[in-house]
Amino acid sequence: MSGKVWRYRGYAAAIDFDDSADAFHGRVLGIADVIDFYGRSVEELKAAFRESVDDYLAMCAEDGVEPEKAWAGKFTLRPSDEERRRWEIARAAAGYPSLNAWALAVLDKAARDKAQEVVDLGV
């Protein structure tokens, strides 16, 4: 999904316009559970996002399960030999001691740059 990203109660959602539904569409990011919501106006979409997250958290509490916050575990990249060569050159030129350290720095910078575009809807 492209477009705006909103945050509410620790959950982030990507916002787009769905031409087929003639409405805005949002989807919570970073969790395996699917939380979608729609609205015909921005205010309606914001309310639907908040309601969807609140409903999800209430459902988890009722079922006695821990709500998902984000994925945990390993993150593995499998570059081609040519990609690995380019990455190693970039890593060395940037002065990082390992490809892992460089990749973490590059990914973190990209995430921080994107985070500046996030609209916080509270809590």
PDB file of N, CA and C in Angstrom:
ATOM      1  N   MET A   1       0.837  -1.192   0.000  1.00  0.00           N
ATOM      2  CA  MET A   1       0.000   0.000   0.000  1.00  0.00           C
ATOM      3  C   MET A   1       0.875   1.246   0.000  1.00  0.00           C
ATOM      4  N   SER A   2       0.418   2.232  -0.672  1.00  0.00           N
ATOM      5  CA  SER A   2       1.138   3.497  -0.650  1.00  0.00           C
ATOM      6  C   SER A   2       0.224   4.546  -0.050  1.00  0.00           C
ATOM      7  N   GLY A   3       0.735   5.715   0.122  1.00  0.00           N
ATOM      8  CA  GLY A   3      -0.100   6.785   0.640  1.00  0.00           C
ATOM      9  C   GLY A   3       0.276   7.133   2.069  1.00  0.00           C
ATOM     10  N   LYS A   4      -0.658   7.722   2.770  1.00  0.00           N
ATOM     11  CA  LYS A   4      -0.439   8.176   4.140  1.00  0.00           C
ATOM     12  C   LYS A   4      -0.340   7.002   5.102  1.00  0.00           C
ATOM     13  N   VAL A   5       0.357   7.243   6.214  1.00  0.00           N
ATOM     14  CA  VAL A   5       0.400   6.284   7.313  1.00  0.00           C
ATOM     15  C   VAL A   5      -0.088   7.005   8.559  1.00  0.00           C
ATOM     16  N   TRP A   6      -1.042   6.380   9.246  1.00  0.00           N
ATOM     17  CA  TRP A   6      -1.572   6.917  10.490  1.00  0.00           C
ATOM     18  C   TRP A   6      -1.173   6.012  11.632  1.00  0.00           C
ATOM     19  N   ARG A   7      -1.086   6.565  12.843  1.00  0.00           N
ATOM     20  CA  ARG A   7      -0.758   5.788  14.032  1.00  0.00           C
ATOM     21  C   ARG A   7      -1.819   6.043  15.100  1.00  0.00           C
ATOM     22  N   TYR A   8      -2.210   4.950  15.784  1.00  0.00           N
ATOM     23  CA  TYR A   8      -3.176   5.049  16.875  1.00  0.00           C
ATOM     24  C   TYR A   8      -2.939   3.887  17.832  1.00  0.00           C
ATOM     25  N   ARG A   9      -2.764   4.199  19.109  1.00  0.00           N
ATOM     26  CA  ARG A   9      -2.582   3.203  20.173  1.00  0.00           C
ATOM     27  C   ARG A   9      -1.464   2.200  19.850  1.00  0.00           C
ATOM     28  N   GLY A  10      -0.407   2.683  19.230  1.00  0.00           N
ATOM     29  CA  GLY A  10       0.730   1.824  18.929  1.00  0.00           C
ATOM     30  C   GLY A  10       0.621   1.051  17.629  1.00  0.00           C
ATOM     31  N   TYR A  11      -0.461   1.225  16.895  1.00  0.00           N
ATOM     32  CA  TYR A  11      -0.663   0.545  15.615  1.00  0.00           C
ATOM     33  C   TYR A  11      -0.553   1.557  14.485  1.00  0.00           C
ATOM     34  N   ALA A  12       0.066   1.134  13.392  1.00  0.00           N
ATOM     35  CA  ALA A  12       0.212   1.999  12.218  1.00  0.00           C
ATOM     36  C   ALA A  12      -0.638   1.425  11.098  1.00  0.00           C
ATOM     37  N   ALA A  13      -1.240   2.303  10.319  1.00  0.00           N
ATOM     38  CA  ALA A  13      -2.083   1.876   9.206  1.00  0.00           C
ATOM     39  C   ALA A  13      -1.734   2.667   7.957  1.00  0.00           C
ATOM     40  N   ALA A  14      -1.686   1.978   6.841  1.00  0.00           N
ATOM     41  CA  ALA A  14      -1.484   2.626   5.542  1.00  0.00           C
ATOM     42  C   ALA A  14      -2.855   3.015   4.999  1.00  0.00           C
ATOM     43  N   ILE A  15      -2.920   4.194   4.434  1.00  0.00           N
ATOM     44  CA  ILE A  15      -4.175   4.739   3.925  1.00  0.00           C
ATOM     45  C   ILE A  15      -4.059   4.933   2.423  1.00  0.00           C
ATOM     46  N   ASP A  16      -5.089   4.525   1.711  1.00  0.00           N
ATOM     47  CA  ASP A  16      -5.138   4.658   0.261  1.00  0.00           C
ATOM     48  C   ASP A  16      -6.575   4.940  -0.158  1.00  0.00           C
ATOM     49  N   PHE A  17      -6.771   5.181  -1.427  1.00  0.00           N
ATOM     50  CA  PHE A  17      -8.124   5.330  -1.949  1.00  0.00           C
ATOM     51  C   PHE A  17      -8.438   4.119  -2.810  1.00  0.00           C
ATOM     52  N   ASP A  18      -9.572   3.485  -2.542  1.00  0.00           N
ATOM     53  CA  ASP A  18     -10.011   2.303  -3.282  1.00  0.00           C
ATOM     54  C   ASP A  18     -11.052   2.747  -4.305  1.00  0.00           C
ATOM     55  N   ASP A  19     -10.632   2.829  -5.576  1.00  0.00           N
ATOM     56  CA  ASP A  19     -11.546   3.273  -6.637  1.00  0.00           C
ATOM     57  C   ASP A  19     -12.759   2.362  -6.760  1.00  0.00           C
ATOM     58  N   SER A  20     -12.563   1.058  -6.603  1.00  0.00           N
ATOM     59  CA  SER A  20     -13.670   0.118  -6.784  1.00  0.00           C
ATOM     60  C   SER A  20     -14.751   0.296  -5.714  1.00  0.00           C
ATOM     61  N   ALA A  21     -14.354   0.727  -4.514  1.00  0.00           N
ATOM     62  CA  ALA A  21     -15.322   0.942  -3.437  1.00  0.00           C
ATOM     63  C   ALA A  21     -15.722   2.410  -3.330  1.00  0.00           C
ATOM     64  N   ASP A  22     -15.054   3.269  -4.096  1.00  0.00           N
ATOM     65  CA  ASP A  22     -15.276   4.707  -4.030  1.00  0.00           C
ATOM     66  C   ASP A  22     -15.169   5.203  -2.586  1.00  0.00           C
ATOM     67  N   ALA A  23     -14.131   4.714  -1.896  1.00  0.00           N
ATOM     68  CA  ALA A  23     -13.929   5.065  -0.493  1.00  0.00           C
ATOM     69  C   ALA A  23     -12.439   4.960  -0.154  1.00  0.00           C
ATOM     70  N   PHE A  24     -12.081   5.601   0.933  1.00  0.00           N
ATOM     71  CA  PHE A  24     -10.740   5.442   1.463  1.00  0.00           C
ATOM     72  C   PHE A  24     -10.643   4.080   2.131  1.00  0.00           C
ATOM     73  N   HIS A  25      -9.473   3.486   2.056  1.00  0.00           N
ATOM     74  CA  HIS A  25      -9.241   2.173   2.663  1.00  0.00           C
ATOM     75  C   HIS A  25      -7.991   2.250   3.520  1.00  0.00           C
ATOM     76  N   GLY A  26      -8.044   1.618   4.670  1.00  0.00           N
ATOM     77  CA  GLY A  26      -6.885   1.538   5.537  1.00  0.00           C
ATOM     78  C   GLY A  26      -6.641   0.110   5.958  1.00  0.00           C
ATOM     79  N   ARG A  27      -5.376  -0.201   6.212  1.00  0.00           N
ATOM     80  CA  ARG A  27      -4.992  -1.526   6.710  1.00  0.00           C
ATOM     81  C   ARG A  27      -3.876  -1.349   7.729  1.00  0.00           C
ATOM     82  N   VAL A  28      -4.062  -1.999   8.889  1.00  0.00           N
ATOM     83  CA  VAL A  28      -3.040  -1.959   9.928  1.00  0.00           C
ATOM     84  C   VAL A  28      -1.823  -2.733   9.454  1.00  0.00           C
ATOM     85  N   LEU A  29      -0.653  -2.163   9.673  1.00  0.00           N
ATOM     86  CA  LEU A  29       0.621  -2.724   9.215  1.00  0.00           C
ATOM     87  C   LEU A  29       1.379  -3.376  10.366  1.00  0.00           C
ATOM     88  N   GLY A  30       2.239  -4.316  10.020  1.00  0.00           N
ATOM     89  CA  GLY A  30       3.195  -4.841  10.982  1.00  0.00           C
ATOM     90  C   GLY A  30       2.695  -5.948  11.887  1.00  0.00           C
ATOM     91  N   ILE A  31       1.497  -6.473  11.631  1.00  0.00           N
ATOM     92  CA  ILE A  31       0.989  -7.597  12.403  1.00  0.00           C
ATOM     93  C   ILE A  31       0.420  -8.628  11.439  1.00  0.00           C
ATOM     94  N   ALA A  32       0.354  -9.877  11.897  1.00  0.00           N
ATOM     95  CA  ALA A  32      -0.172 -10.941  11.042  1.00  0.00           C
ATOM     96  C   ALA A  32      -1.697 -10.876  10.942  1.00  0.00           C
ATOM     97  N   ASP A  33      -2.372 -10.425  12.025  1.00  0.00           N
ATOM     98  CA  ASP A  33      -3.825 -10.279  11.971  1.00  0.00           C
ATOM     99  C   ASP A  33      -4.190  -9.196  10.962  1.00  0.00           C
ATOM    100  N   VAL A  34      -5.328  -9.371  10.314  1.00  0.00           N
ATOM    101  CA  VAL A  34      -5.767  -8.404   9.303  1.00  0.00           C
ATOM    102  C   VAL A  34      -6.793  -7.469   9.926  1.00  0.00           C
ATOM    103  N   ILE A  35      -6.484  -6.187   9.903  1.00  0.00           N
ATOM    104  CA  ILE A  35      -7.409  -5.157  10.370  1.00  0.00           C
ATOM    105  C   ILE A  35      -7.558  -4.154   9.242  1.00  0.00           C
ATOM    106  N   ASP A  36      -8.705  -4.216   8.554  1.00  0.00           N
ATOM    107  CA  ASP A  36      -9.038  -3.298   7.461  1.00  0.00           C
ATOM    108  C   ASP A  36     -10.164  -2.378   7.905  1.00  0.00           C
ATOM    109  N   PHE A  37     -10.233  -1.216   7.296  1.00  0.00           N
ATOM    110  CA  PHE A  37     -11.328  -0.287   7.589  1.00  0.00           C
ATOM    111  C   PHE A  37     -11.517   0.641   6.394  1.00  0.00           C
ATOM    112  N   TYR A  38     -12.742   1.173   6.277  1.00  0.00           N
ATOM    113  CA  TYR A  38     -13.099   2.034   5.147  1.00  0.00           C
ATOM    114  C   TYR A  38     -13.815   3.279   5.654  1.00  0.00           C
ATOM    115  N   GLY A  39     -13.785   4.325   4.836  1.00  0.00           N
ATOM    116  CA  GLY A  39     -14.535   5.536   5.116  1.00  0.00           C
ATOM    117  C   GLY A  39     -14.652   6.368   3.853  1.00  0.00           C
ATOM    118  N   ARG A  40     -15.752   7.062   3.715  1.00  0.00           N
ATOM    119  CA  ARG A  40     -15.957   7.901   2.528  1.00  0.00           C
ATOM    120  C   ARG A  40     -15.358   9.301   2.695  1.00  0.00           C
ATOM    121  N   SER A  41     -15.097   9.687   3.933  1.00  0.00           N
ATOM    122  CA  SER A  41     -14.426  10.968   4.189  1.00  0.00           C
ATOM    123  C   SER A  41     -13.235  10.699   5.101  1.00  0.00           C
ATOM    124  N   VAL A  42     -12.377  11.678   5.221  1.00  0.00           N
ATOM    125  CA  VAL A  42     -11.209  11.524   6.081  1.00  0.00           C
ATOM    126  C   VAL A  42     -11.649  11.334   7.530  1.00  0.00           C
ATOM    127  N   GLU A  43     -12.609  12.120   7.971  1.00  0.00           N
ATOM    128  CA  GLU A  43     -13.100  11.991   9.353  1.00  0.00           C
ATOM    129  C   GLU A  43     -13.732  10.623   9.595  1.00  0.00           C
ATOM    130  N   GLU A  44     -14.497  10.139   8.636  1.00  0.00           N
ATOM    131  CA  GLU A  44     -15.112   8.809   8.752  1.00  0.00           C
ATOM    132  C   GLU A  44     -14.027   7.729   8.805  1.00  0.00           C
ATOM    133  N   LEU A  45     -12.985   7.893   8.004  1.00  0.00           N
ATOM    134  CA  LEU A  45     -11.896   6.919   7.978  1.00  0.00           C
ATOM    135  C   LEU A  45     -11.117   6.934   9.292  1.00  0.00           C
ATOM    136  N   LYS A  46     -10.857   8.122   9.843  1.00  0.00           N
ATOM    137  CA  LYS A  46     -10.169   8.211  11.130  1.00  0.00           C
ATOM    138  C   LYS A  46     -10.979   7.511  12.219  1.00  0.00           C
ATOM    139  N   ALA A  47     -12.279   7.757  12.232  1.00  0.00           N
ATOM    140  CA  ALA A  47     -13.146   7.116  13.227  1.00  0.00           C
ATOM    141  C   ALA A  47     -13.152   5.602  13.041  1.00  0.00           C
ATOM    142  N   ALA A  48     -13.172   5.142  11.797  1.00  0.00           N
ATOM    143  CA  ALA A  48     -13.175   3.699  11.515  1.00  0.00           C
ATOM    144  C   ALA A  48     -11.857   3.061  11.951  1.00  0.00           C
ATOM    145  N   PHE A  49     -10.750   3.757  11.767  1.00  0.00           N
ATOM    146  CA  PHE A  49      -9.443   3.252  12.200  1.00  0.00           C
ATOM    147  C   PHE A  49      -9.432   3.085  13.717  1.00  0.00           C
ATOM    148  N   ARG A  50      -9.824   4.147  14.417  1.00  0.00           N
ATOM    149  CA  ARG A  50      -9.840   4.077  15.886  1.00  0.00           C
ATOM    150  C   ARG A  50     -10.768   2.951  16.361  1.00  0.00           C
ATOM    151  N   GLU A  51     -11.936   2.884  15.780  1.00  0.00           N
ATOM    152  CA  GLU A  51     -12.912   1.856  16.171  1.00  0.00           C
ATOM    153  C   GLU A  51     -12.381   0.449  15.887  1.00  0.00           C
ATOM    154  N   SER A  52     -11.734   0.264  14.746  1.00  0.00           N
ATOM    155  CA  SER A  52     -11.197  -1.052  14.390  1.00  0.00           C
ATOM    156  C   SER A  52     -10.117  -1.497  15.367  1.00  0.00           C
ATOM    157  N   VAL A  53      -9.215  -0.589  15.721  1.00  0.00           N
ATOM    158  CA  VAL A  53      -8.162  -0.930  16.682  1.00  0.00           C
ATOM    159  C   VAL A  53      -8.775  -1.196  18.054  1.00  0.00           C
ATOM    160  N   ASP A  54      -9.685  -0.330  18.482  1.00  0.00           N
ATOM    161  CA  ASP A  54     -10.332  -0.524  19.785  1.00  0.00           C
ATOM    162  C   ASP A  54     -11.085  -1.853  19.824  1.00  0.00           C
ATOM    163  N   ASP A  55     -11.811  -2.187  18.752  1.00  0.00           N
ATOM    164  CA  ASP A  55     -12.536  -3.457  18.680  1.00  0.00           C
ATOM    165  C   ASP A  55     -11.578  -4.641  18.723  1.00  0.00           C
ATOM    166  N   TYR A  56     -10.460  -4.536  18.007  1.00  0.00           N
ATOM    167  CA  TYR A  56      -9.460  -5.598  17.988  1.00  0.00           C
ATOM    168  C   TYR A  56      -8.913  -5.829  19.401  1.00  0.00           C
ATOM    169  N   LEU A  57      -8.563  -4.756  20.088  1.00  0.00           N
ATOM    170  CA  LEU A  57      -8.026  -4.881  21.442  1.00  0.00           C
ATOM    171  C   LEU A  57      -9.070  -5.442  22.407  1.00  0.00           C
ATOM    172  N   ALA A  58     -10.327  -5.018  22.255  1.00  0.00           N
ATOM    173  CA  ALA A  58     -11.410  -5.539  23.099  1.00  0.00           C
ATOM    174  C   ALA A  58     -11.628  -7.027  22.838  1.00  0.00           C
ATOM    175  N   MET A  59     -11.597  -7.430  21.578  1.00  0.00           N
ATOM    176  CA  MET A  59     -11.775  -8.831  21.216  1.00  0.00           C
ATOM    177  C   MET A  59     -10.653  -9.685  21.814  1.00  0.00           C
ATOM    178  N   CYS A  60      -9.426  -9.191  21.724  1.00  0.00           N
ATOM    179  CA  CYS A  60      -8.292  -9.923  22.300  1.00  0.00           C
ATOM    180  C   CYS A  60      -8.461 -10.072  23.808  1.00  0.00           C
ATOM    181  N   ALA A  61      -8.897  -8.995  24.470  1.00  0.00           N
ATOM    182  CA  ALA A  61      -9.098  -9.040  25.919  1.00  0.00           C
ATOM    183  C   ALA A  61     -10.195 -10.048  26.279  1.00  0.00           C
ATOM    184  N   GLU A  62     -11.299 -10.041  25.523  1.00  0.00           N
ATOM    185  CA  GLU A  62     -12.401 -10.982  25.767  1.00  0.00           C
ATOM    186  C   GLU A  62     -11.961 -12.428  25.582  1.00  0.00           C
ATOM    187  N   ASP A  63     -11.119 -12.657  24.566  1.00  0.00           N
ATOM    188  CA  ASP A  63     -10.654 -14.016  24.265  1.00  0.00           C
ATOM    189  C   ASP A  63      -9.464 -14.432  25.126  1.00  0.00           C
ATOM    190  N   GLY A  64      -8.919 -13.477  25.913  1.00  0.00           N
ATOM    191  CA  GLY A  64      -7.780 -13.779  26.762  1.00  0.00           C
ATOM    192  C   GLY A  64      -6.492 -14.014  25.995  1.00  0.00           C
ATOM    193  N   VAL A  65      -6.382 -13.388  24.825  1.00  0.00           N
ATOM    194  CA  VAL A  65      -5.154 -13.526  24.034  1.00  0.00           C
ATOM    195  C   VAL A  65      -4.412 -12.193  23.994  1.00  0.00           C
ATOM    196  N   GLU A  66      -3.124 -12.286  23.833  1.00  0.00           N
ATOM    197  CA  GLU A  66      -2.279 -11.096  23.754  1.00  0.00           C
ATOM    198  C   GLU A  66      -2.420 -10.478  22.361  1.00  0.00           C
ATOM    199  N   PRO A  67      -2.776  -9.199  22.262  1.00  0.00           N
ATOM    200  CA  PRO A  67      -2.848  -8.573  20.932  1.00  0.00           C
ATOM    201  C   PRO A  67      -1.465  -8.473  20.310  1.00  0.00           C
ATOM    202  N   GLU A  68      -1.422  -8.616  19.010  1.00  0.00           N
ATOM    203  CA  GLU A  68      -0.137  -8.499  18.309  1.00  0.00           C
ATOM    204  C   GLU A  68       0.293  -7.042  18.263  1.00  0.00           C
ATOM    205  N   LYS A  69       1.562  -6.825  18.445  1.00  0.00           N
ATOM    206  CA  LYS A  69       2.116  -5.481  18.303  1.00  0.00           C
ATOM    207  C   LYS A  69       2.980  -5.393  17.055  1.00  0.00           C
ATOM    208  N   ALA A  70       3.865  -6.329  16.887  1.00  0.00           N
ATOM    209  CA  ALA A  70       4.732  -6.352  15.711  1.00  0.00           C
ATOM    210  C   ALA A  70       5.372  -7.728  15.622  1.00  0.00           C
ATOM    211  N   TRP A  71       5.899  -8.046  14.485  1.00  0.00           N
ATOM    212  CA  TRP A  71       6.571  -9.320  14.317  1.00  0.00           C
ATOM    213  C   TRP A  71       7.875  -9.337  15.078  1.00  0.00           C
ATOM    214  N   ALA A  72       8.239 -10.510  15.528  1.00  0.00           N
ATOM    215  CA  ALA A  72       9.539 -10.705  16.169  1.00  0.00           C
ATOM    216  C   ALA A  72      10.247 -11.831  15.426  1.00  0.00           C
ATOM    217  N   GLY A  73      11.523 -11.924  15.628  1.00  0.00           N
ATOM    218  CA  GLY A  73      12.256 -13.013  14.999  1.00  0.00           C
ATOM    219  C   GLY A  73      13.338 -12.500  14.083  1.00  0.00           C
ATOM    220  N   LYS A  74      13.837 -13.390  13.276  1.00  0.00           N
ATOM    221  CA  LYS A  74      14.941 -13.061  12.373  1.00  0.00           C
ATOM    222  C   LYS A  74      14.426 -12.450  11.079  1.00  0.00           C
ATOM    223  N   PHE A  75      15.280 -11.644  10.512  1.00  0.00           N
ATOM    224  CA  PHE A  75      15.012 -11.015   9.224  1.00  0.00           C
ATOM    225  C   PHE A  75      16.187 -11.386   8.330  1.00  0.00           C
ATOM    226  N   THR A  76      15.922 -12.113   7.269  1.00  0.00           N
ATOM    227  CA  THR A  76      16.993 -12.624   6.424  1.00  0.00           C
ATOM    228  C   THR A  76      16.868 -12.064   5.019  1.00  0.00           C
ATOM    229  N   LEU A  77      17.982 -11.615   4.485  1.00  0.00           N
ATOM    230  CA  LEU A  77      18.051 -11.178   3.094  1.00  0.00           C
ATOM    231  C   LEU A  77      18.920 -12.163   2.329  1.00  0.00           C
ATOM    232  N   ARG A  78      18.524 -12.444   1.111  1.00  0.00           N
ATOM    233  CA  ARG A  78      19.311 -13.338   0.268  1.00  0.00           C
ATOM    234  C   ARG A  78      19.628 -12.634  -1.053  1.00  0.00           C
ATOM    235  N   PRO A  79      20.660 -11.790  -1.029  1.00  0.00           N
ATOM    236  CA  PRO A  79      21.001 -11.042  -2.242  1.00  0.00           C
ATOM    237  C   PRO A  79      21.708 -11.929  -3.270  1.00  0.00           C
ATOM    238  N   SER A  80      21.617 -11.500  -4.507  1.00  0.00           N
ATOM    239  CA  SER A  80      22.404 -12.159  -5.555  1.00  0.00           C
ATOM    240  C   SER A  80      23.876 -11.819  -5.319  1.00  0.00           C
ATOM    241  N   ASP A  81      24.760 -12.510  -6.007  1.00  0.00           N
ATOM    242  CA  ASP A  81      26.184 -12.214  -5.863  1.00  0.00           C
ATOM    243  C   ASP A  81      26.493 -10.767  -6.243  1.00  0.00           C
ATOM    244  N   GLU A  82      25.860 -10.287  -7.318  1.00  0.00           N
ATOM    245  CA  GLU A  82      26.088  -8.909  -7.762  1.00  0.00           C
ATOM    246  C   GLU A  82      25.577  -7.913  -6.733  1.00  0.00           C
ATOM    247  N   GLU A  83      24.392  -8.146  -6.170  1.00  0.00           N
ATOM    248  CA  GLU A  83      23.878  -7.261  -5.123  1.00  0.00           C
ATOM    249  C   GLU A  83      24.813  -7.256  -3.916  1.00  0.00           C
ATOM    250  N   ARG A  84      25.256  -8.426  -3.516  1.00  0.00           N
ATOM    251  CA  ARG A  84      26.153  -8.535  -2.365  1.00  0.00           C
ATOM    252  C   ARG A  84      27.438  -7.736  -2.606  1.00  0.00           C
ATOM    253  N   ARG A  85      27.990  -7.819  -3.821  1.00  0.00           N
ATOM    254  CA  ARG A  85      29.194  -7.036  -4.144  1.00  0.00           C
ATOM    255  C   ARG A  85      28.930  -5.535  -4.008  1.00  0.00           C
ATOM    256  N   ARG A  86      27.818  -5.076  -4.586  1.00  0.00           N
ATOM    257  CA  ARG A  86      27.473  -3.652  -4.499  1.00  0.00           C
ATOM    258  C   ARG A  86      27.287  -3.230  -3.039  1.00  0.00           C
ATOM    259  N   TRP A  87      26.610  -4.064  -2.282  1.00  0.00           N
ATOM    260  CA  TRP A  87      26.364  -3.741  -0.879  1.00  0.00           C
ATOM    261  C   TRP A  87      27.666  -3.691  -0.080  1.00  0.00           C
ATOM    262  N   GLU A  88      28.554  -4.634  -0.344  1.00  0.00           N
ATOM    263  CA  GLU A  88      29.827  -4.654   0.375  1.00  0.00           C
ATOM    264  C   GLU A  88      30.667  -3.415   0.045  1.00  0.00           C
ATOM    265  N   ILE A  89      30.646  -2.982  -1.202  1.00  0.00           N
ATOM    266  CA  ILE A  89      31.371  -1.774  -1.602  1.00  0.00           C
ATOM    267  C   ILE A  89      30.776  -0.561  -0.892  1.00  0.00           C
ATOM    268  N   ALA A  90      29.443  -0.460  -0.898  1.00  0.00           N
ATOM    269  CA  ALA A  90      28.774   0.662  -0.232  1.00  0.00           C
ATOM    270  C   ALA A  90      29.056   0.644   1.270  1.00  0.00           C
ATOM    271  N   ARG A  91      29.028  -0.536   1.874  1.00  0.00           N
ATOM    272  CA  ARG A  91      29.300  -0.681   3.296  1.00  0.00           C
ATOM    273  C   ARG A  91      30.704  -0.199   3.642  1.00  0.00           C
ATOM    274  N   ALA A  92      31.687  -0.669   2.856  1.00  0.00           N
ATOM    275  CA  ALA A  92      33.078  -0.285   3.112  1.00  0.00           C
ATOM    276  C   ALA A  92      33.279   1.213   2.906  1.00  0.00           C
ATOM    277  N   ALA A  93      32.681   1.755   1.847  1.00  0.00           N
ATOM    278  CA  ALA A  93      32.810   3.186   1.569  1.00  0.00           C
ATOM    279  C   ALA A  93      32.178   4.029   2.669  1.00  0.00           C
ATOM    280  N   ALA A  94      31.127   3.503   3.285  1.00  0.00           N
ATOM    281  CA  ALA A  94      30.449   4.232   4.366  1.00  0.00           C
ATOM    282  C   ALA A  94      31.149   4.040   5.710  1.00  0.00           C
ATOM    283  N   GLY A  95      32.116   3.105   5.763  1.00  0.00           N
ATOM    284  CA  GLY A  95      32.892   2.921   6.977  1.00  0.00           C
ATOM    285  C   GLY A  95      32.271   2.012   8.026  1.00  0.00           C
ATOM    286  N   TYR A  96      31.327   1.189   7.635  1.00  0.00           N
ATOM    287  CA  TYR A  96      30.715   0.270   8.593  1.00  0.00           C
ATOM    288  C   TYR A  96      31.546  -1.012   8.704  1.00  0.00           C
ATOM    289  N   PRO A  97      31.628  -1.596   9.915  1.00  0.00           N
ATOM    290  CA  PRO A  97      32.464  -2.778  10.119  1.00  0.00           C
ATOM    291  C   PRO A  97      31.885  -4.069   9.530  1.00  0.00           C
ATOM    292  N   SER A  98      30.586  -4.085   9.291  1.00  0.00           N
ATOM    293  CA  SER A  98      29.971  -5.301   8.749  1.00  0.00           C
ATOM    294  C   SER A  98      28.792  -4.927   7.864  1.00  0.00           C
ATOM    295  N   LEU A  99      28.423  -5.856   7.004  1.00  0.00           N
ATOM    296  CA  LEU A  99      27.251  -5.640   6.148  1.00  0.00           C
ATOM    297  C   LEU A  99      25.995  -5.532   7.003  1.00  0.00           C
ATOM    298  N   ASN A 100      25.919  -6.314   8.066  1.00  0.00           N
ATOM    299  CA  ASN A 100      24.774  -6.262   8.958  1.00  0.00           C
ATOM    300  C   ASN A 100      24.617  -4.872   9.574  1.00  0.00           C
ATOM    301  N   ALA A 101      25.718  -4.298  10.068  1.00  0.00           N
ATOM    302  CA  ALA A 101      25.671  -2.963  10.677  1.00  0.00           C
ATOM    303  C   ALA A 101      25.246  -1.911   9.658  1.00  0.00           C
ATOM    304  N   TRP A 102      25.770  -2.016   8.443  1.00  0.00           N
ATOM    305  CA  TRP A 102      25.407  -1.059   7.391  1.00  0.00           C
ATOM    306  C   TRP A 102      23.931  -1.200   7.016  1.00  0.00           C
ATOM    307  N   ALA A 103      23.473  -2.444   6.826  1.00  0.00           N
ATOM    308  CA  ALA A 103      22.073  -2.678   6.446  1.00  0.00           C
ATOM    309  C   ALA A 103      21.134  -2.144   7.520  1.00  0.00           C
ATOM    310  N   LEU A 104      21.453  -2.379   8.782  1.00  0.00           N
ATOM    311  CA  LEU A 104      20.615  -1.858   9.865  1.00  0.00           C
ATOM    312  C   LEU A 104      20.555  -0.337   9.829  1.00  0.00           C
ATOM    313  N   ALA A 105      21.687   0.306   9.586  1.00  0.00           N
ATOM    314  CA  ALA A 105      21.726   1.767   9.531  1.00  0.00           C
ATOM    315  C   ALA A 105      20.900   2.300   8.356  1.00  0.00           C
ATOM    316  N   VAL A 106      21.053   1.672   7.199  1.00  0.00           N
ATOM    317  CA  VAL A 106      20.317   2.107   6.002  1.00  0.00           C
ATOM    318  C   VAL A 106      18.812   1.910   6.203  1.00  0.00           C
ATOM    319  N   LEU A 107      18.424   0.751   6.703  1.00  0.00           N
ATOM    320  CA  LEU A 107      17.003   0.481   6.926  1.00  0.00           C
ATOM    321  C   LEU A 107      16.419   1.405   7.991  1.00  0.00           C
ATOM    322  N   ASP A 108      17.197   1.659   9.055  1.00  0.00           N
ATOM    323  CA  ASP A 108      16.710   2.540  10.106  1.00  0.00           C
ATOM    324  C   ASP A 108      16.528   3.962   9.590  1.00  0.00           C
ATOM    325  N   LYS A 109      17.459   4.433   8.772  1.00  0.00           N
ATOM    326  CA  LYS A 109      17.323   5.782   8.201  1.00  0.00           C
ATOM    327  C   LYS A 109      16.075   5.867   7.320  1.00  0.00           C
ATOM    328  N   ALA A 110      15.855   4.851   6.498  1.00  0.00           N
ATOM    329  CA  ALA A 110      14.664   4.843   5.644  1.00  0.00           C
ATOM    330  C   ALA A 110      13.393   4.842   6.491  1.00  0.00           C
ATOM    331  N   ALA A 111      13.384   4.060   7.575  1.00  0.00           N
ATOM    332  CA  ALA A 111      12.213   4.009   8.446  1.00  0.00           C
ATOM    333  C   ALA A 111      11.990   5.337   9.160  1.00  0.00           C
ATOM    334  N   ARG A 112      13.071   5.963   9.607  1.00  0.00           N
ATOM    335  CA  ARG A 112      12.951   7.268  10.268  1.00  0.00           C
ATOM    336  C   ARG A 112      12.455   8.335   9.300  1.00  0.00           C
ATOM    337  N   ASP A 113      12.952   8.312   8.065  1.00  0.00           N
ATOM    338  CA  ASP A 113      12.488   9.262   7.057  1.00  0.00           C
ATOM    339  C   ASP A 113      10.991   9.082   6.814  1.00  0.00           C
ATOM    340  N   LYS A 114      10.543   7.839   6.703  1.00  0.00           N
ATOM    341  CA  LYS A 114       9.122   7.556   6.473  1.00  0.00           C
ATOM    342  C   LYS A 114       8.296   7.938   7.697  1.00  0.00           C
ATOM    343  N   ALA A 115       8.851   7.732   8.888  1.00  0.00           N
ATOM    344  CA  ALA A 115       8.129   8.043  10.128  1.00  0.00           C
ATOM    345  C   ALA A 115       7.775   9.519  10.232  1.00  0.00           C
ATOM    346  N   GLN A 116       8.542  10.372   9.578  1.00  0.00           N
ATOM    347  CA  GLN A 116       8.235  11.804   9.604  1.00  0.00           C
ATOM    348  C   GLN A 116       6.922  12.112   8.905  1.00  0.00           C
ATOM    349  N   GLU A 117       6.460  11.188   8.056  1.00  0.00           N
ATOM    350  CA  GLU A 117       5.215  11.368   7.321  1.00  0.00           C
ATOM    351  C   GLU A 117       4.013  10.787   8.058  1.00  0.00           C
ATOM    352  N   VAL A 118       4.252  10.082   9.182  1.00  0.00           N
ATOM    353  CA  VAL A 118       3.174   9.427   9.916  1.00  0.00           C
ATOM    354  C   VAL A 118       2.327  10.467  10.645  1.00  0.00           C
ATOM    355  N   VAL A 119       1.010  10.313  10.562  1.00  0.00           N
ATOM    356  CA  VAL A 119       0.070  11.183  11.245  1.00  0.00           C
ATOM    357  C   VAL A 119      -0.408  10.451  12.495  1.00  0.00           C
ATOM    358  N   ASP A 120      -0.127  11.023  13.681  1.00  0.00           N
ATOM    359  CA  ASP A 120      -0.504  10.392  14.941  1.00  0.00           C
ATOM    360  C   ASP A 120      -1.934  10.809  15.285  1.00  0.00           C
ATOM    361  N   LEU A 121      -2.807   9.808  15.461  1.00  0.00           N
ATOM    362  CA  LEU A 121      -4.207  10.084  15.775  1.00  0.00           C
ATOM    363  C   LEU A 121      -4.482   9.981  17.264  1.00  0.00           C
ATOM    364  N   GLY A 122      -3.460   9.922  18.075  1.00  0.00           N
ATOM    365  CA  GLY A 122      -3.636   9.920  19.531  1.00  0.00           C
ATOM    366  C   GLY A 122      -3.452   8.564  20.168  1.00  0.00           C
ATOM    367  N   VAL A 123      -3.356   8.614  21.482  1.00  0.00           N
ATOM    368  CA  VAL A 123      -3.146   7.475  22.390  1.00  0.00           C
ATOM    369  C   VAL A 123      -2.075   6.576  21.925  1.00  0.00           C
TER     370      VAL A 123
END
